[in-house]
Amino acid sequence: MDLELSVVIPAYNEEENIEPCCQEVKTALEPLGINYEIIFVDDGSTDLTFKKLSDLSKNNEKLKVVKLRKNFGQSAALRAGLDHATGRTIVTMDADLQNDPKDIPKLLEKLEKEDLDVVCGWRFDRKDSFSKKLFSKFANRIRKRFTGETIHDSGCTLRTYVKESTESLELYGELHRYIPAMLSWKGYRIGEIKTNHRERKYGKTKYNWKRIVKGFLDLLVVTFWQKYSMRPIHIFGSMGIVLSFIGGIVSAYLVILRLFYGIGITDRPLFTVGIMSLVIGTQFFTIGILADILVKVYYGQNGRKNYLVERIIE
């Protein structure tokens, strides 16, 4: 019998949350009467997370555990879970119990009724510290300006997807935050619903200023990739043409000064500006051509992974 649903849950040092999280997911899904699996991805935890998962798997045939060799980060752990998911529909959520599994049926209902490809959770009443909410609000505004998306809460991991939409996602760094934007650029239909958000009871948050900085840098990359990934020559070539044009104008001006007015030009700052503009412009144009070649190589490769699996328990 084909699986209807896979629930993917990345976990890093969440030993106290694992058992109640698994139980709450089961409680939310059993009334639906569907065939499902729960996939926990242990992202190189240093506590008893994997042991707790191993013990749980002995008495739960619906539970699959994917253990990564080290801490690769949430994006890579999420990618590993998506790769091992076999359900036609996939739900992702955090293991810290702040996402409420009771919202899963509502996500699935909206996905089906409105014929969407992705439904995102919106933590409209967040139970986080003031500083965390402030940083998140600022990050959301920056993200919307760069990506143009309309989703209120791109940082919420609680989402449901049709499996097809997840298969071509490149996830590394902090790119899991920009999944709605990346899928929207690919033409997938995206919706959202308000979801319940709860205070963290056990463990420590993994959210800090380093992740904010890394997330912003990844935002710049993903925005650039969306606009110019297919033809990088468009940006590098344009910059090369502009700089070469400026260098050409300056050089022509200096040549006129030298030939018609006998003025020395080698000791003039404009001489250096003209030569450098021509050289750098040519370099930019060359970089654009090389980048185009690299893009063709990139899209010609298959099977790229940014994680290493140590063990799988089914």
C-alpha atoms as a PDB file:
ATOM      1  CA  MET A   1       0.000   0.000   0.000  1.00  0.00           C
ATOM      2  CA  ASP A   2       1.397   3.395  -1.016  1.00  0.00           C
ATOM      3  CA  LEU A   3       2.145   5.816   1.772  1.00  0.00           C
ATOM      4  CA  GLU A   4      -0.111   8.839   1.806  1.00  0.00           C
ATOM      5  CA  LEU A   5       1.885  10.972   4.225  1.00  0.00           C
ATOM      6  CA  SER A   6       5.446  11.391   5.493  1.00  0.00           C
ATOM      7  CA  VAL A   7       6.147  13.606   8.505  1.00  0.00           C
ATOM      8  CA  VAL A   8       9.767  14.824   8.477  1.00  0.00           C
ATOM      9  CA  ILE A   9      11.214  16.103  11.756  1.00  0.00           C
ATOM     10  CA  PRO A  10      14.861  17.287  11.996  1.00  0.00           C
ATOM     11  CA  ALA A  11      16.233  17.065  15.532  1.00  0.00           C
ATOM     12  CA  TYR A  12      19.426  18.290  17.165  1.00  0.00           C
ATOM     13  CA  ASN A  13      19.924  17.739  20.904  1.00  0.00           C
ATOM     14  CA  GLU A  14      16.209  17.361  21.657  1.00  0.00           C
ATOM     15  CA  GLU A  15      16.353  14.305  23.944  1.00  0.00           C
ATOM     16  CA  GLU A  16      13.555  15.518  26.229  1.00  0.00           C
ATOM     17  CA  ASN A  17      11.244  16.436  23.360  1.00  0.00           C
ATOM     18  CA  ILE A  18      11.559  13.338  21.171  1.00  0.00           C
ATOM     19  CA  GLU A  19       9.078  11.034  22.895  1.00  0.00           C
ATOM     20  CA  PRO A  20       6.268  13.570  23.466  1.00  0.00           C
ATOM     21  CA  CYS A  21       6.742  14.941  19.941  1.00  0.00           C
ATOM     22  CA  CYS A  22       6.376  11.485  18.398  1.00  0.00           C
ATOM     23  CA  GLN A  23       3.331  10.726  20.520  1.00  0.00           C
ATOM     24  CA  GLU A  24       1.608  14.013  19.665  1.00  0.00           C
ATOM     25  CA  VAL A  25       2.148  13.452  15.942  1.00  0.00           C
ATOM     26  CA  LYS A  26       0.644   9.958  16.199  1.00  0.00           C
ATOM     27  CA  THR A  27      -2.321  11.303  18.169  1.00  0.00           C
ATOM     28  CA  ALA A  28      -2.953  13.962  15.503  1.00  0.00           C
ATOM     29  CA  LEU A  29      -2.725  11.548  12.569  1.00  0.00           C
ATOM     30  CA  GLU A  30      -4.498   8.397  13.804  1.00  0.00           C
ATOM     31  CA  PRO A  31      -8.042   9.876  13.493  1.00  0.00           C
ATOM     32  CA  LEU A  32      -7.375  10.655   9.825  1.00  0.00           C
ATOM     33  CA  GLY A  33      -7.216   6.964   8.975  1.00  0.00           C
ATOM     34  CA  ILE A  34      -4.351   7.386   6.503  1.00  0.00           C
ATOM     35  CA  ASN A  35      -1.198   5.376   5.910  1.00  0.00           C
ATOM     36  CA  TYR A  36       1.724   7.456   7.188  1.00  0.00           C
ATOM     37  CA  GLU A  37       5.323   7.388   8.389  1.00  0.00           C
ATOM     38  CA  ILE A  38       7.257   9.584  10.814  1.00  0.00           C
ATOM     39  CA  ILE A  39      10.868  10.344   9.901  1.00  0.00           C
ATOM     40  CA  PHE A  40      13.167  11.793  12.542  1.00  0.00           C
ATOM     41  CA  VAL A  41      16.535  13.054  11.275  1.00  0.00           C
ATOM     42  CA  ASP A  42      19.136  13.145  14.029  1.00  0.00           C
ATOM     43  CA  ASP A  43      21.431  15.943  12.909  1.00  0.00           C
ATOM     44  CA  GLY A  44      24.547  14.757  14.748  1.00  0.00           C
ATOM     45  CA  SER A  45      23.124  15.205  18.258  1.00  0.00           C
ATOM     46  CA  THR A  46      25.589  15.015  21.153  1.00  0.00           C
ATOM     47  CA  ASP A  47      23.002  14.087  23.796  1.00  0.00           C
ATOM     48  CA  LEU A  48      20.685  11.076  24.056  1.00  0.00           C
ATOM     49  CA  THR A  49      18.475  12.044  21.111  1.00  0.00           C
ATOM     50  CA  PHE A  50      19.513   9.096  18.938  1.00  0.00           C
ATOM     51  CA  LYS A  51      19.198   6.608  21.788  1.00  0.00           C
ATOM     52  CA  LYS A  52      15.678   7.848  22.529  1.00  0.00           C
ATOM     53  CA  LEU A  53      14.787   7.527  18.842  1.00  0.00           C
ATOM     54  CA  SER A  54      16.270   4.028  18.642  1.00  0.00           C
ATOM     55  CA  ASP A  55      14.229   2.905  21.638  1.00  0.00           C
ATOM     56  CA  LEU A  56      11.047   4.408  20.192  1.00  0.00           C
ATOM     57  CA  SER A  57      11.568   2.725  16.830  1.00  0.00           C
ATOM     58  CA  LYS A  58      11.541  -0.755  18.421  1.00  0.00           C
ATOM     59  CA  ASN A  59       7.859  -0.444  19.235  1.00  0.00           C
ATOM     60  CA  ASN A  60       6.729   1.725  16.354  1.00  0.00           C
ATOM     61  CA  GLU A  61       6.742   0.353  12.812  1.00  0.00           C
ATOM     62  CA  LYS A  62       5.713   3.755  11.438  1.00  0.00           C
ATOM     63  CA  LEU A  63       8.854   5.434  12.761  1.00  0.00           C
ATOM     64  CA  LYS A  64      11.988   5.811  10.625  1.00  0.00           C
ATOM     65  CA  VAL A  65      15.204   7.266  12.037  1.00  0.00           C
ATOM     66  CA  VAL A  66      17.933   8.784   9.857  1.00  0.00           C
ATOM     67  CA  LYS A  67      21.152   9.509  11.741  1.00  0.00           C
ATOM     68  CA  LEU A  68      23.618  11.933  10.160  1.00  0.00           C
ATOM     69  CA  ARG A  69      27.332  11.548  10.839  1.00  0.00           C
ATOM     70  CA  LYS A  70      27.699  15.042  12.258  1.00  0.00           C
ATOM     71  CA  ASN A  71      25.783  18.274  12.669  1.00  0.00           C
ATOM     72  CA  PHE A  72      25.252  19.458   9.081  1.00  0.00           C
ATOM     73  CA  GLY A  73      22.595  22.068   9.957  1.00  0.00           C
ATOM     74  CA  GLN A  74      18.830  22.230   9.722  1.00  0.00           C
ATOM     75  CA  SER A  75      18.680  22.701   5.949  1.00  0.00           C
ATOM     76  CA  ALA A  76      20.799  19.619   5.269  1.00  0.00           C
ATOM     77  CA  ALA A  77      18.872  17.584   7.865  1.00  0.00           C
ATOM     78  CA  LEU A  78      15.614  18.634   6.239  1.00  0.00           C
ATOM     79  CA  ARG A  79      16.954  17.637   2.822  1.00  0.00           C
ATOM     80  CA  ALA A  80      17.951  14.229   4.209  1.00  0.00           C
ATOM     81  CA  GLY A  81      14.440  13.710   5.586  1.00  0.00           C
ATOM     82  CA  LEU A  82      12.832  14.730   2.301  1.00  0.00           C
ATOM     83  CA  ASP A  83      15.098  12.349   0.402  1.00  0.00           C
ATOM     84  CA  HIS A  84      14.007   9.420   2.583  1.00  0.00           C
ATOM     85  CA  ALA A  85      10.306  10.317   2.584  1.00  0.00           C
ATOM     86  CA  THR A  86       8.081   8.050   0.475  1.00  0.00           C
ATOM     87  CA  GLY A  87       4.652   9.597   1.089  1.00  0.00           C
ATOM     88  CA  ARG A  88       2.716  11.377  -1.653  1.00  0.00           C
ATOM     89  CA  THR A  89       2.364  14.312   0.733  1.00  0.00           C
ATOM     90  CA  ILE A  90       5.056  15.534   3.112  1.00  0.00           C
ATOM     91  CA  VAL A  91       4.739  17.494   6.342  1.00  0.00           C
ATOM     92  CA  THR A  92       7.774  19.098   7.983  1.00  0.00           C
ATOM     93  CA  MET A  93       7.968  20.393  11.543  1.00  0.00           C
ATOM     94  CA  ASP A  94      10.418  21.091  14.368  1.00  0.00           C
ATOM     95  CA  ALA A  95      11.137  18.604  17.135  1.00  0.00           C
ATOM     96  CA  ASP A  96      11.071  21.176  19.947  1.00  0.00           C
ATOM     97  CA  LEU A  97       7.277  20.920  20.494  1.00  0.00           C
ATOM     98  CA  GLN A  98       6.726  24.580  19.622  1.00  0.00           C
ATOM     99  CA  ASN A  99       4.903  23.504  16.457  1.00  0.00           C
ATOM    100  CA  ASP A 100       1.548  21.933  17.332  1.00  0.00           C
ATOM    101  CA  PRO A 101       0.907  18.600  15.533  1.00  0.00           C
ATOM    102  CA  LYS A 102      -2.827  19.241  15.903  1.00  0.00           C
ATOM    103  CA  ASP A 103      -2.431  21.738  13.035  1.00  0.00           C
ATOM    104  CA  ILE A 104      -1.349  19.025  10.593  1.00  0.00           C
ATOM    105  CA  PRO A 105      -4.924  18.021   9.589  1.00  0.00           C
ATOM    106  CA  LYS A 106      -5.716  21.673   8.830  1.00  0.00           C
ATOM    107  CA  LEU A 107      -2.633  21.976   6.636  1.00  0.00           C
ATOM    108  CA  LEU A 108      -3.588  18.824   4.732  1.00  0.00           C
ATOM    109  CA  GLU A 109      -7.180  19.977   4.320  1.00  0.00           C
ATOM    110  CA  LYS A 110      -6.171  23.343   2.851  1.00  0.00           C
ATOM    111  CA  LEU A 111      -3.655  21.671   0.535  1.00  0.00           C
ATOM    112  CA  GLU A 112      -6.337  19.397  -0.908  1.00  0.00           C
ATOM    113  CA  LYS A 113      -9.335  21.731  -0.971  1.00  0.00           C
ATOM    114  CA  GLU A 114      -7.541  24.644  -2.628  1.00  0.00           C
ATOM    115  CA  ASP A 115      -5.424  22.451  -4.927  1.00  0.00           C
ATOM    116  CA  LEU A 116      -2.152  23.932  -3.634  1.00  0.00           C
ATOM    117  CA  ASP A 117       1.367  22.561  -3.826  1.00  0.00           C
ATOM    118  CA  VAL A 118       2.566  23.956  -0.492  1.00  0.00           C
ATOM    119  CA  VAL A 119       0.822  25.218   2.636  1.00  0.00           C
ATOM    120  CA  CYS A 120       2.925  27.119   5.180  1.00  0.00           C
ATOM    121  CA  GLY A 121       2.228  27.601   8.860  1.00  0.00           C
ATOM    122  CA  TRP A 122       1.970  31.152  10.171  1.00  0.00           C
ATOM    123  CA  ARG A 123       2.925  31.586  13.839  1.00  0.00           C
ATOM    124  CA  PHE A 124       0.735  34.664  14.193  1.00  0.00           C
ATOM    125  CA  ASP A 125       0.899  34.548  18.017  1.00  0.00           C
ATOM    126  CA  ARG A 126       4.483  33.504  18.693  1.00  0.00           C
ATOM    127  CA  LYS A 127       5.490  32.329  22.154  1.00  0.00           C
ATOM    128  CA  ASP A 128       9.128  33.358  21.885  1.00  0.00           C
ATOM    129  CA  SER A 129      11.286  35.924  23.636  1.00  0.00           C
ATOM    130  CA  PHE A 130      10.939  39.569  22.639  1.00  0.00           C
ATOM    131  CA  SER A 131      14.408  39.647  21.064  1.00  0.00           C
ATOM    132  CA  LYS A 132      13.743  36.541  18.979  1.00  0.00           C
ATOM    133  CA  LYS A 133      10.429  37.932  17.709  1.00  0.00           C
ATOM    134  CA  LEU A 134      12.079  41.291  16.940  1.00  0.00           C
ATOM    135  CA  PHE A 135      14.891  39.704  14.931  1.00  0.00           C
ATOM    136  CA  SER A 136      12.404  37.465  13.134  1.00  0.00           C
ATOM    137  CA  LYS A 137      10.167  40.394  12.209  1.00  0.00           C
ATOM    138  CA  PHE A 138      13.136  42.326  10.851  1.00  0.00           C
ATOM    139  CA  ALA A 139      14.336  39.263   8.912  1.00  0.00           C
ATOM    140  CA  ASN A 140      10.863  38.757   7.398  1.00  0.00           C
ATOM    141  CA  ARG A 141      10.769  42.341   6.141  1.00  0.00           C
ATOM    142  CA  ILE A 142      14.208  42.030   4.560  1.00  0.00           C
ATOM    143  CA  ARG A 143      13.272  38.697   3.013  1.00  0.00           C
ATOM    144  CA  LYS A 144      10.042  40.058   1.507  1.00  0.00           C
ATOM    145  CA  ARG A 145      11.897  43.012  -0.018  1.00  0.00           C
ATOM    146  CA  PHE A 146      14.429  40.715  -1.671  1.00  0.00           C
ATOM    147  CA  THR A 147      12.166  37.838  -2.699  1.00  0.00           C
ATOM    148  CA  GLY A 148       8.826  39.586  -3.302  1.00  0.00           C
ATOM    149  CA  GLU A 149       6.884  36.772  -1.635  1.00  0.00           C
ATOM    150  CA  THR A 150       3.748  37.372   0.429  1.00  0.00           C
ATOM    151  CA  ILE A 151       4.032  34.570   3.012  1.00  0.00           C
ATOM    152  CA  HIS A 152       3.910  36.068   6.514  1.00  0.00           C
ATOM    153  CA  ASP A 153       6.178  33.586   8.284  1.00  0.00           C
ATOM    154  CA  SER A 154       8.788  31.965   6.069  1.00  0.00           C
ATOM    155  CA  GLY A 155      10.731  30.830   9.142  1.00  0.00           C
ATOM    156  CA  CYS A 156       8.014  28.448  10.319  1.00  0.00           C
ATOM    157  CA  THR A 157       9.101  24.853   9.671  1.00  0.00           C
ATOM    158  CA  LEU A 158       5.536  23.519   9.951  1.00  0.00           C
ATOM    159  CA  ARG A 159       4.518  23.091   6.319  1.00  0.00           C
ATOM    160  CA  THR A 160       2.929  20.538   4.032  1.00  0.00           C
ATOM    161  CA  TYR A 161       4.049  19.806   0.478  1.00  0.00           C
ATOM    162  CA  VAL A 162       3.104  17.640  -2.432  1.00  0.00           C
ATOM    163  CA  LYS A 163       6.179  15.437  -2.829  1.00  0.00           C
ATOM    164  CA  GLU A 164       6.929  16.645  -6.345  1.00  0.00           C
ATOM    165  CA  SER A 165       7.584  20.178  -5.101  1.00  0.00           C
ATOM    166  CA  THR A 166      10.387  19.046  -2.758  1.00  0.00           C
ATOM    167  CA  GLU A 167      12.361  16.911  -5.178  1.00  0.00           C
ATOM    168  CA  SER A 168      14.398  19.666  -6.849  1.00  0.00           C
ATOM    169  CA  LEU A 169      15.016  21.825  -3.771  1.00  0.00           C
ATOM    170  CA  GLU A 170      18.669  22.668  -3.111  1.00  0.00           C
ATOM    171  CA  LEU A 171      18.959  23.021   0.667  1.00  0.00           C
ATOM    172  CA  TYR A 172      22.150  24.076   2.422  1.00  0.00           C
ATOM    173  CA  GLY A 173      23.242  26.770   4.872  1.00  0.00           C
ATOM    174  CA  GLU A 174      20.057  28.456   6.128  1.00  0.00           C
ATOM    175  CA  LEU A 175      18.078  28.092   2.891  1.00  0.00           C
ATOM    176  CA  HIS A 176      15.239  26.191   4.595  1.00  0.00           C
ATOM    177  CA  ARG A 177      13.916  29.644   5.528  1.00  0.00           C
ATOM    178  CA  TYR A 178      13.502  30.529   1.861  1.00  0.00           C
ATOM    179  CA  ILE A 179      11.746  27.379   0.661  1.00  0.00           C
ATOM    180  CA  PRO A 180       8.434  29.207  -0.050  1.00  0.00           C
ATOM    181  CA  ALA A 181      10.283  31.801  -2.149  1.00  0.00           C
ATOM    182  CA  MET A 182      12.262  29.192  -4.074  1.00  0.00           C
ATOM    183  CA  LEU A 183       9.148  27.137  -4.795  1.00  0.00           C
ATOM    184  CA  SER A 184       7.178  30.229  -5.782  1.00  0.00           C
ATOM    185  CA  TRP A 185       9.883  31.120  -8.316  1.00  0.00           C
ATOM    186  CA  LYS A 186       9.499  27.616  -9.761  1.00  0.00           C
ATOM    187  CA  GLY A 187       5.768  28.187 -10.274  1.00  0.00           C
ATOM    188  CA  TYR A 188       4.312  26.128  -7.420  1.00  0.00           C
ATOM    189  CA  ARG A 189       1.083  27.317  -5.792  1.00  0.00           C
ATOM    190  CA  ILE A 190       1.594  28.356  -2.172  1.00  0.00           C
ATOM    191  CA  GLY A 191      -0.857  29.119   0.632  1.00  0.00           C
ATOM    192  CA  GLU A 192      -0.713  29.563   4.395  1.00  0.00           C
ATOM    193  CA  ILE A 193      -2.813  29.135   7.525  1.00  0.00           C
ATOM    194  CA  LYS A 194      -2.529  30.458  11.039  1.00  0.00           C
ATOM    195  CA  THR A 195      -1.080  27.827  13.338  1.00  0.00           C
ATOM    196  CA  ASN A 196      -0.692  27.416  17.064  1.00  0.00           C
ATOM    197  CA  HIS A 197       2.718  28.199  18.507  1.00  0.00           C
ATOM    198  CA  ARG A 198       3.809  27.034  21.943  1.00  0.00           C
ATOM    199  CA  GLU A 199       6.535  27.935  24.396  1.00  0.00           C
ATOM    200  CA  ARG A 200       9.597  25.726  24.492  1.00  0.00           C
ATOM    201  CA  LYS A 201       9.470  23.512  27.587  1.00  0.00           C
ATOM    202  CA  TYR A 202      12.675  21.513  27.244  1.00  0.00           C
ATOM    203  CA  GLY A 203      16.087  22.098  25.726  1.00  0.00           C
ATOM    204  CA  LYS A 204      17.663  25.271  24.381  1.00  0.00           C
ATOM    205  CA  THR A 205      16.841  27.261  21.273  1.00  0.00           C
ATOM    206  CA  LYS A 206      19.315  26.948  18.398  1.00  0.00           C
ATOM    207  CA  TYR A 207      18.422  30.444  17.153  1.00  0.00           C
ATOM    208  CA  ASN A 208      21.189  33.059  17.587  1.00  0.00           C
ATOM    209  CA  TRP A 209      22.820  36.033  15.897  1.00  0.00           C
ATOM    210  CA  LYS A 210      25.147  33.785  13.882  1.00  0.00           C
ATOM    211  CA  ARG A 211      22.171  32.144  12.187  1.00  0.00           C
ATOM    212  CA  ILE A 212      20.741  35.586  11.413  1.00  0.00           C
ATOM    213  CA  VAL A 213      23.952  36.652   9.662  1.00  0.00           C
ATOM    214  CA  LYS A 214      24.246  33.351   7.788  1.00  0.00           C
ATOM    215  CA  GLY A 215      20.577  33.555   6.833  1.00  0.00           C
ATOM    216  CA  PHE A 216      21.020  37.055   5.397  1.00  0.00           C
ATOM    217  CA  LEU A 217      24.042  35.979   3.345  1.00  0.00           C
ATOM    218  CA  ASP A 218      22.082  32.986   2.054  1.00  0.00           C
ATOM    219  CA  LEU A 219      19.246  35.362   1.136  1.00  0.00           C
ATOM    220  CA  LEU A 220      21.623  37.358  -1.053  1.00  0.00           C
ATOM    221  CA  VAL A 221      22.802  34.160  -2.737  1.00  0.00           C
ATOM    222  CA  VAL A 222      19.336  32.717  -3.314  1.00  0.00           C
ATOM    223  CA  THR A 223      18.072  36.041  -4.705  1.00  0.00           C
ATOM    224  CA  PHE A 224      21.031  36.278  -7.068  1.00  0.00           C
ATOM    225  CA  TRP A 225      20.550  32.627  -8.044  1.00  0.00           C
ATOM    226  CA  GLN A 226      16.875  33.156  -8.806  1.00  0.00           C
ATOM    227  CA  LYS A 227      17.537  36.109 -11.075  1.00  0.00           C
ATOM    228  CA  TYR A 228      20.704  35.032 -12.820  1.00  0.00           C
ATOM    229  CA  SER A 229      21.197  31.290 -12.282  1.00  0.00           C
ATOM    230  CA  MET A 230      20.231  30.377 -15.824  1.00  0.00           C
ATOM    231  CA  ARG A 231      22.232  33.139 -17.554  1.00  0.00           C
ATOM    232  CA  PRO A 232      24.892  34.731 -15.281  1.00  0.00           C
ATOM    233  CA  ILE A 233      26.322  36.377 -18.398  1.00  0.00           C
ATOM    234  CA  HIS A 234      23.422  38.829 -18.135  1.00  0.00           C
ATOM    235  CA  ILE A 235      24.793  40.447 -14.964  1.00  0.00           C
ATOM    236  CA  PHE A 236      28.527  39.940 -15.430  1.00  0.00           C
ATOM    237  CA  GLY A 237      28.338  40.774 -19.123  1.00  0.00           C
ATOM    238  CA  SER A 238      26.337  43.938 -18.413  1.00  0.00           C
ATOM    239  CA  MET A 239      28.857  45.100 -15.812  1.00  0.00           C
ATOM    240  CA  GLY A 240      31.678  44.299 -18.209  1.00  0.00           C
ATOM    241  CA  ILE A 241      30.084  46.296 -21.023  1.00  0.00           C
ATOM    242  CA  VAL A 242      29.457  49.326 -18.768  1.00  0.00           C
ATOM    243  CA  LEU A 243      33.010  49.349 -17.406  1.00  0.00           C
ATOM    244  CA  SER A 244      34.520  48.801 -20.844  1.00  0.00           C
ATOM    245  CA  PHE A 245      32.404  51.642 -22.249  1.00  0.00           C
ATOM    246  CA  ILE A 246      33.568  53.991 -19.475  1.00  0.00           C
ATOM    247  CA  GLY A 247      37.162  52.904 -20.020  1.00  0.00           C
ATOM    248  CA  GLY A 248      36.800  53.447 -23.771  1.00  0.00           C
ATOM    249  CA  ILE A 249      35.423  56.977 -23.342  1.00  0.00           C
ATOM    250  CA  VAL A 250      38.159  57.946 -20.890  1.00  0.00           C
ATOM    251  CA  SER A 251      40.868  56.454 -23.097  1.00  0.00           C
ATOM    252  CA  ALA A 252      39.530  58.234 -26.174  1.00  0.00           C
ATOM    253  CA  TYR A 253      39.501  61.532 -24.276  1.00  0.00           C
ATOM    254  CA  LEU A 254      43.128  61.061 -23.209  1.00  0.00           C
ATOM    255  CA  VAL A 255      44.210  60.097 -26.725  1.00  0.00           C
ATOM    256  CA  ILE A 256      42.662  63.314 -28.042  1.00  0.00           C
ATOM    257  CA  LEU A 257      44.530  65.324 -25.396  1.00  0.00           C
ATOM    258  CA  ARG A 258      47.811  63.670 -26.340  1.00  0.00           C
ATOM    259  CA  LEU A 259      47.478  63.817 -30.136  1.00  0.00           C
ATOM    260  CA  PHE A 260      45.885  67.227 -30.613  1.00  0.00           C
ATOM    261  CA  TYR A 261      47.072  69.193 -27.583  1.00  0.00           C
ATOM    262  CA  GLY A 262      50.381  67.509 -26.786  1.00  0.00           C
ATOM    263  CA  ILE A 263      49.423  67.002 -23.138  1.00  0.00           C
ATOM    264  CA  GLY A 264      51.115  64.140 -21.264  1.00  0.00           C
ATOM    265  CA  ILE A 265      48.675  61.547 -20.039  1.00  0.00           C
ATOM    266  CA  THR A 266      50.680  58.770 -18.320  1.00  0.00           C
ATOM    267  CA  ASP A 267      50.917  60.671 -15.033  1.00  0.00           C
ATOM    268  CA  ARG A 268      47.213  61.597 -14.981  1.00  0.00           C
ATOM    269  CA  PRO A 269      44.796  59.678 -12.657  1.00  0.00           C
ATOM    270  CA  LEU A 270      42.346  59.401 -15.557  1.00  0.00           C
ATOM    271  CA  PHE A 271      44.891  57.301 -17.443  1.00  0.00           C
ATOM    272  CA  THR A 272      44.849  54.716 -14.647  1.00  0.00           C
ATOM    273  CA  VAL A 273      41.036  54.874 -14.451  1.00  0.00           C
ATOM    274  CA  GLY A 274      40.671  54.294 -18.173  1.00  0.00           C
ATOM    275  CA  ILE A 275      43.078  51.354 -18.329  1.00  0.00           C
ATOM    276  CA  MET A 276      41.644  49.712 -15.197  1.00  0.00           C
ATOM    277  CA  SER A 277      38.073  50.104 -16.469  1.00  0.00           C
ATOM    278  CA  LEU A 278      38.958  48.394 -19.730  1.00  0.00           C
ATOM    279  CA  VAL A 279      40.814  45.563 -17.978  1.00  0.00           C
ATOM    280  CA  ILE A 280      38.166  44.980 -15.290  1.00  0.00           C
ATOM    281  CA  GLY A 281      35.366  45.238 -17.849  1.00  0.00           C
ATOM    282  CA  THR A 282      37.006  42.547 -19.960  1.00  0.00           C
ATOM    283  CA  GLN A 283      37.462  40.392 -16.857  1.00  0.00           C
ATOM    284  CA  PHE A 284      33.784  40.722 -15.892  1.00  0.00           C
ATOM    285  CA  PHE A 285      32.720  39.711 -19.373  1.00  0.00           C
ATOM    286  CA  THR A 286      35.048  36.704 -19.254  1.00  0.00           C
ATOM    287  CA  ILE A 287      33.728  35.745 -15.807  1.00  0.00           C
ATOM    288  CA  GLY A 288      30.200  35.843 -17.231  1.00  0.00           C
ATOM    289  CA  ILE A 289      31.115  33.392 -19.973  1.00  0.00           C
ATOM    290  CA  LEU A 290      32.862  31.067 -17.509  1.00  0.00           C
ATOM    291  CA  ALA A 291      29.886  31.284 -15.111  1.00  0.00           C
ATOM    292  CA  ASP A 292      27.557  30.291 -17.966  1.00  0.00           C
ATOM    293  CA  ILE A 293      29.725  27.246 -18.604  1.00  0.00           C
ATOM    294  CA  LEU A 294      29.704  26.343 -14.901  1.00  0.00           C
ATOM    295  CA  VAL A 295      25.912  26.613 -14.801  1.00  0.00           C
ATOM    296  CA  LYS A 296      25.676  24.098 -17.630  1.00  0.00           C
ATOM    297  CA  VAL A 297      27.992  21.773 -15.701  1.00  0.00           C
ATOM    298  CA  TYR A 298      25.954  22.294 -12.524  1.00  0.00           C
ATOM    299  CA  TYR A 299      22.674  21.381 -14.165  1.00  0.00           C
ATOM    300  CA  GLY A 300      24.327  18.410 -15.830  1.00  0.00           C
ATOM    301  CA  GLN A 301      25.266  16.799 -12.525  1.00  0.00           C
ATOM    302  CA  ASN A 302      23.013  14.461 -10.581  1.00  0.00           C
ATOM    303  CA  GLY A 303      22.933  13.005  -7.113  1.00  0.00           C
ATOM    304  CA  ARG A 304      24.562  15.905  -5.249  1.00  0.00           C
ATOM    305  CA  LYS A 305      24.168  15.573  -1.476  1.00  0.00           C
ATOM    306  CA  ASN A 306      25.232  17.942   1.297  1.00  0.00           C
ATOM    307  CA  TYR A 307      25.012  15.393   4.106  1.00  0.00           C
ATOM    308  CA  LEU A 308      26.317  11.931   5.011  1.00  0.00           C
ATOM    309  CA  VAL A 309      24.060   9.289   6.546  1.00  0.00           C
ATOM    310  CA  GLU A 310      25.628   7.093   9.207  1.00  0.00           C
ATOM    311  CA  ARG A 311      22.682   4.809   9.903  1.00  0.00           C
ATOM    312  CA  ILE A 312      19.019   4.270   9.110  1.00  0.00           C
ATOM    313  CA  ILE A 313      16.558   2.490  11.390  1.00  0.00           C
ATOM    314  CA  GLU A 314      13.240   1.386   9.890  1.00  0.00           C
END
